Amino acid sequence: MTETPNDRFHFSLEKEEGQLVVKGEISGTAAVPSLDDLKFHAVIALLHSIDKKNFSEVDKLHLFDQAINEIQETITEMKKHVQFQGEKR
């Protein structure tokens, strides 16, 4: 049995006050520099795990709409530029 080496990417998101919002790790075999293909797979997997219904149940649909708008704006900007790292939050 042969083992395939996994590439790893650690990420975190903090509020302006330095308070941790989310932290995680992506691992797998990357075909693209900087593991950008794995990052896309992670984003897609996370999006597939989100249910709009959960936001409605706690009367926070505005948070869902804000996130969707931010995702759409980010994708629009990414498409415009060959190199794009976005605004760190």
C-alpha atoms as a PDB file:
ATOM      1  CA  MET A   1       0.000   0.000   0.000  1.00  0.00           C
ATOM      2  CA  THR A   2       1.361   3.414  -0.950  1.00  0.00           C
ATOM      3  CA  GLU A   3       0.499   6.543   0.892  1.00  0.00           C
ATOM      4  CA  THR A   4      -0.130   9.788  -0.996  1.00  0.00           C
ATOM      5  CA  PRO A   5       1.313  12.837   0.752  1.00  0.00           C
ATOM      6  CA  ASN A   6      -1.278  15.425   1.728  1.00  0.00           C
ATOM      7  CA  ASP A   7      -0.804  19.153   1.425  1.00  0.00           C
ATOM      8  CA  ARG A   8      -2.167  21.226   4.292  1.00  0.00           C
ATOM      9  CA  PHE A   9      -3.465  24.757   4.535  1.00  0.00           C
ATOM     10  CA  HIS A  10      -4.379  26.308   7.885  1.00  0.00           C
ATOM     11  CA  PHE A  11      -6.748  29.267   7.931  1.00  0.00           C
ATOM     12  CA  SER A  12      -8.393  31.519  10.463  1.00  0.00           C
ATOM     13  CA  LEU A  13     -10.683  34.522  10.487  1.00  0.00           C
ATOM     14  CA  GLU A  14     -10.623  37.100  13.246  1.00  0.00           C
ATOM     15  CA  LYS A  15     -12.698  40.158  14.043  1.00  0.00           C
ATOM     16  CA  GLU A  16     -10.966  43.544  14.116  1.00  0.00           C
ATOM     17  CA  GLU A  17     -10.604  43.194  17.888  1.00  0.00           C
ATOM     18  CA  GLY A  18      -8.551  40.010  17.385  1.00  0.00           C
ATOM     19  CA  GLN A  19     -11.406  37.761  18.501  1.00  0.00           C
ATOM     20  CA  LEU A  20     -11.328  34.402  16.688  1.00  0.00           C
ATOM     21  CA  VAL A  21     -14.389  33.763  14.506  1.00  0.00           C
ATOM     22  CA  VAL A  22     -13.412  30.569  12.695  1.00  0.00           C
ATOM     23  CA  LYS A  23     -10.344  28.371  12.344  1.00  0.00           C
ATOM     24  CA  GLY A  24      -9.706  25.282  10.257  1.00  0.00           C
ATOM     25  CA  GLU A  25      -7.464  23.155   8.102  1.00  0.00           C
ATOM     26  CA  ILE A  26      -7.707  21.877   4.538  1.00  0.00           C
ATOM     27  CA  SER A  27      -5.722  18.825   3.528  1.00  0.00           C
ATOM     28  CA  GLY A  28      -5.467  16.732   0.413  1.00  0.00           C
ATOM     29  CA  THR A  29      -3.506  16.367  -2.786  1.00  0.00           C
ATOM     30  CA  ALA A  30      -3.298  19.703  -4.557  1.00  0.00           C
ATOM     31  CA  ALA A  31      -2.925  20.113  -8.316  1.00  0.00           C
ATOM     32  CA  VAL A  32      -2.519  23.905  -8.190  1.00  0.00           C
ATOM     33  CA  PRO A  33       0.080  26.117  -6.425  1.00  0.00           C
ATOM     34  CA  SER A  34      -0.875  27.533  -3.030  1.00  0.00           C
ATOM     35  CA  LEU A  35      -3.467  24.741  -2.743  1.00  0.00           C
ATOM     36  CA  ASP A  36      -6.026  26.988  -4.430  1.00  0.00           C
ATOM     37  CA  ASP A  37      -7.909  23.998  -5.883  1.00  0.00           C
ATOM     38  CA  LEU A  38      -8.288  22.514  -2.392  1.00  0.00           C
ATOM     39  CA  LYS A  39      -9.454  25.881  -1.074  1.00  0.00           C
ATOM     40  CA  PHE A  40     -12.214  25.968  -3.705  1.00  0.00           C
ATOM     41  CA  HIS A  41     -13.283  22.415  -2.766  1.00  0.00           C
ATOM     42  CA  ALA A  42     -13.454  23.463   0.893  1.00  0.00           C
ATOM     43  CA  VAL A  43     -15.568  26.532   0.087  1.00  0.00           C
ATOM     44  CA  ILE A  44     -17.956  24.457  -2.017  1.00  0.00           C
ATOM     45  CA  ALA A  45     -18.248  21.804   0.704  1.00  0.00           C
ATOM     46  CA  LEU A  46     -19.030  24.445   3.325  1.00  0.00           C
ATOM     47  CA  LEU A  47     -21.621  26.130   1.089  1.00  0.00           C
ATOM     48  CA  HIS A  48     -23.337  22.777   0.582  1.00  0.00           C
ATOM     49  CA  SER A  49     -23.651  22.427   4.362  1.00  0.00           C
ATOM     50  CA  ILE A  50     -25.591  25.690   4.879  1.00  0.00           C
ATOM     51  CA  ASP A  51     -29.408  25.769   5.105  1.00  0.00           C
ATOM     52  CA  LYS A  52     -31.276  29.047   4.661  1.00  0.00           C
ATOM     53  CA  LYS A  53     -34.033  27.542   6.829  1.00  0.00           C
ATOM     54  CA  ASN A  54     -31.789  27.728   9.912  1.00  0.00           C
ATOM     55  CA  PHE A  55     -31.476  31.501   9.512  1.00  0.00           C
ATOM     56  CA  SER A  56     -35.247  31.859   9.096  1.00  0.00           C
ATOM     57  CA  GLU A  57     -35.953  29.832  12.231  1.00  0.00           C
ATOM     58  CA  VAL A  58     -34.081  32.340  14.416  1.00  0.00           C
ATOM     59  CA  ASP A  59     -35.224  35.433  12.494  1.00  0.00           C
ATOM     60  CA  LYS A  60     -31.706  36.114  11.127  1.00  0.00           C
ATOM     61  CA  LEU A  61     -32.414  35.946   7.406  1.00  0.00           C
ATOM     62  CA  HIS A  62     -30.605  39.288   7.001  1.00  0.00           C
ATOM     63  CA  LEU A  63     -27.351  37.534   7.994  1.00  0.00           C
ATOM     64  CA  PHE A  64     -27.901  34.947   5.257  1.00  0.00           C
ATOM     65  CA  ASP A  65     -28.541  37.692   2.695  1.00  0.00           C
ATOM     66  CA  GLN A  66     -25.442  39.661   3.815  1.00  0.00           C
ATOM     67  CA  ALA A  67     -23.236  36.582   3.458  1.00  0.00           C
ATOM     68  CA  ILE A  68     -24.644  35.706   0.026  1.00  0.00           C
ATOM     69  CA  ASN A  69     -24.047  39.282  -1.160  1.00  0.00           C
ATOM     70  CA  GLU A  70     -20.469  39.239   0.141  1.00  0.00           C
ATOM     71  CA  ILE A  71     -19.796  35.904  -1.582  1.00  0.00           C
ATOM     72  CA  GLN A  72     -21.218  37.205  -4.866  1.00  0.00           C
ATOM     73  CA  GLU A  73     -19.202  40.452  -4.655  1.00  0.00           C
ATOM     74  CA  THR A  74     -16.017  38.525  -3.856  1.00  0.00           C
ATOM     75  CA  ILE A  75     -16.496  36.167  -6.803  1.00  0.00           C
ATOM     76  CA  THR A  76     -17.147  39.135  -9.120  1.00  0.00           C
ATOM     77  CA  GLU A  77     -13.895  40.777  -7.990  1.00  0.00           C
ATOM     78  CA  MET A  78     -11.933  37.508  -8.258  1.00  0.00           C
ATOM     79  CA  LYS A  79     -13.032  37.118 -11.876  1.00  0.00           C
ATOM     80  CA  LYS A  80     -11.748  40.615 -12.734  1.00  0.00           C
ATOM     81  CA  HIS A  81      -8.171  40.070 -11.555  1.00  0.00           C
ATOM     82  CA  VAL A  82      -5.438  37.550 -12.344  1.00  0.00           C
ATOM     83  CA  GLN A  83      -4.153  37.881  -8.768  1.00  0.00           C
ATOM     84  CA  PHE A  84      -6.647  38.534  -5.991  1.00  0.00           C
ATOM     85  CA  GLN A  85      -6.316  38.050  -2.259  1.00  0.00           C
ATOM     86  CA  GLY A  86      -9.304  40.110  -1.172  1.00  0.00           C
ATOM     87  CA  GLU A  87      -9.724  42.097   1.984  1.00  0.00           C
ATOM     88  CA  LYS A  88      -8.655  40.345   5.156  1.00  0.00           C
ATOM     89  CA  ARG A  89     -11.312  40.415   7.816  1.00  0.00           C
END
